[in-house]
C-alpha atoms as a PDB file:
ATOM      1  CA  MET A   1      -2.415 -20.918 -29.049  1.00  0.00           C
ATOM      2  CA  LYS A   2      -0.285 -17.790 -28.766  1.00  0.00           C
ATOM      3  CA  LEU A   3      -1.712 -14.833 -26.903  1.00  0.00           C
ATOM      4  CA  THR A   4      -1.082 -11.259 -28.022  1.00  0.00           C
ATOM      5  CA  PRO A   5      -0.056  -8.672 -25.401  1.00  0.00           C
ATOM      6  CA  THR A   6      -3.563  -7.184 -25.450  1.00  0.00           C
ATOM      7  CA  GLN A   7      -5.084 -10.621 -24.790  1.00  0.00           C
ATOM      8  CA  PHE A   8      -2.606 -11.095 -21.874  1.00  0.00           C
ATOM      9  CA  LEU A   9      -3.714  -7.735 -20.425  1.00  0.00           C
ATOM     10  CA  VAL A  10      -7.385  -8.421 -20.781  1.00  0.00           C
ATOM     11  CA  LEU A  11      -7.091 -11.864 -19.317  1.00  0.00           C
ATOM     12  CA  GLY A  12      -4.980 -10.522 -16.433  1.00  0.00           C
ATOM     13  CA  PHE A  13      -7.545  -7.755 -15.825  1.00  0.00           C
ATOM     14  CA  LEU A  14     -10.408 -10.284 -15.647  1.00  0.00           C
ATOM     15  CA  LEU A  15      -8.466 -12.612 -13.291  1.00  0.00           C
ATOM     16  CA  VAL A  16      -7.577  -9.660 -10.927  1.00  0.00           C
ATOM     17  CA  THR A  17     -11.166  -8.491 -10.995  1.00  0.00           C
ATOM     18  CA  TYR A  18     -12.327 -11.964 -10.047  1.00  0.00           C
ATOM     19  CA  GLY A  19      -9.764 -12.074  -7.318  1.00  0.00           C
ATOM     20  CA  MET A  20     -11.097  -8.790  -5.981  1.00  0.00           C
ATOM     21  CA  VAL A  21     -14.871  -9.443  -6.254  1.00  0.00           C
ATOM     22  CA  ILE A  22     -14.972 -12.897  -4.616  1.00  0.00           C
ATOM     23  CA  PRO A  23     -13.456 -11.892  -1.277  1.00  0.00           C
ATOM     24  CA  TRP A  24     -15.643  -8.789  -1.338  1.00  0.00           C
ATOM     25  CA  LEU A  25     -18.748 -10.986  -1.658  1.00  0.00           C
ATOM     26  CA  MET A  26     -17.373 -13.203   1.161  1.00  0.00           C
ATOM     27  CA  VAL A  27     -16.988 -10.190   3.430  1.00  0.00           C
ATOM     28  CA  LEU A  28     -20.582  -9.086   2.636  1.00  0.00           C
ATOM     29  CA  GLN A  29     -21.576 -12.682   3.432  1.00  0.00           C
ATOM     30  CA  ILE A  30     -23.257 -13.105   0.075  1.00  0.00           C
ATOM     31  CA  LEU A  31     -20.969 -16.091  -0.504  1.00  0.00           C
ATOM     32  CA  GLU A  32     -19.953 -18.456   2.216  1.00  0.00           C
ATOM     33  CA  ALA A  33     -16.234 -18.203   2.893  1.00  0.00           C
ATOM     34  CA  ASN A  34     -14.457 -21.531   2.328  1.00  0.00           C
ATOM     35  CA  PHE A  35     -10.998 -22.758   1.404  1.00  0.00           C
ATOM     36  CA  PHE A  36     -11.788 -23.370  -2.232  1.00  0.00           C
ATOM     37  CA  LEU A  37     -13.054 -19.796  -2.918  1.00  0.00           C
ATOM     38  CA  SER A  38     -10.235 -18.225  -0.937  1.00  0.00           C
ATOM     39  CA  PHE A  39      -7.615 -20.279  -2.725  1.00  0.00           C
ATOM     40  CA  THR A  40      -9.024 -19.633  -6.213  1.00  0.00           C
ATOM     41  CA  SER A  41      -9.301 -15.955  -5.419  1.00  0.00           C
ATOM     42  CA  TYR A  42      -5.658 -15.809  -4.368  1.00  0.00           C
ATOM     43  CA  ALA A  43      -4.536 -17.845  -7.340  1.00  0.00           C
ATOM     44  CA  ALA A  44      -6.564 -15.760  -9.774  1.00  0.00           C
ATOM     45  CA  THR A  45      -5.081 -12.493  -8.368  1.00  0.00           C
ATOM     46  CA  PHE A  46      -1.551 -13.862  -8.526  1.00  0.00           C
ATOM     47  CA  THR A  47      -1.975 -15.201 -12.026  1.00  0.00           C
ATOM     48  CA  GLY A  48      -3.680 -12.041 -13.246  1.00  0.00           C
ATOM     49  CA  LEU A  49      -0.883  -9.895 -11.987  1.00  0.00           C
ATOM     50  CA  LEU A  50       1.610 -12.205 -13.679  1.00  0.00           C
ATOM     51  CA  PHE A  51      -0.343 -12.062 -16.968  1.00  0.00           C
ATOM     52  CA  GLY A  52      -0.548  -8.288 -16.666  1.00  0.00           C
ATOM     53  CA  VAL A  53       3.247  -7.937 -16.241  1.00  0.00           C
ATOM     54  CA  VAL A  54       3.886 -10.308 -19.152  1.00  0.00           C
ATOM     55  CA  GLY A  55       1.403  -8.488 -21.296  1.00  0.00           C
ATOM     56  CA  VAL A  56       2.968  -5.097 -20.626  1.00  0.00           C
ATOM     57  CA  ALA A  57       6.481  -6.462 -21.122  1.00  0.00           C
ATOM     58  CA  THR A  58       5.629  -8.054 -24.499  1.00  0.00           C
ATOM     59  CA  TYR A  59       3.668  -5.006 -25.568  1.00  0.00           C
ATOM     60  CA  TYR A  60       6.642  -2.685 -25.066  1.00  0.00           C
ATOM     61  CA  ARG A  61       9.022  -5.183 -26.515  1.00  0.00           C
ATOM     62  CA  GLN A  62       6.969  -5.418 -29.789  1.00  0.00           C
ATOM     63  CA  ARG A  63       6.548  -1.646 -29.841  1.00  0.00           C
ATOM     64  CA  ARG A  64      10.247  -1.084 -29.406  1.00  0.00           C
ATOM     65  CA  LYS A  65      11.177  -3.653 -31.982  1.00  0.00           C
ATOM     66  CA  GLY A  66       8.776  -2.206 -34.589  1.00  0.00           C
ATOM     67  CA  PRO A  67       6.366  -3.995 -36.917  1.00  0.00           C
END
């Protein structure tokens, strides 16, 4: 399955959003802070940023290359 640049950006946005919301819920003590949630939050943020960078790079590469 090959992802388009737009799909990379959307997936990256969702992962970064997850990585932002989960620690916020832990700070508000709605969710109990534990290693698993902290690690998945960090991993989702890092992966989301990576996907976002890849999405932007491939978007501009395709746009520069032309249809």
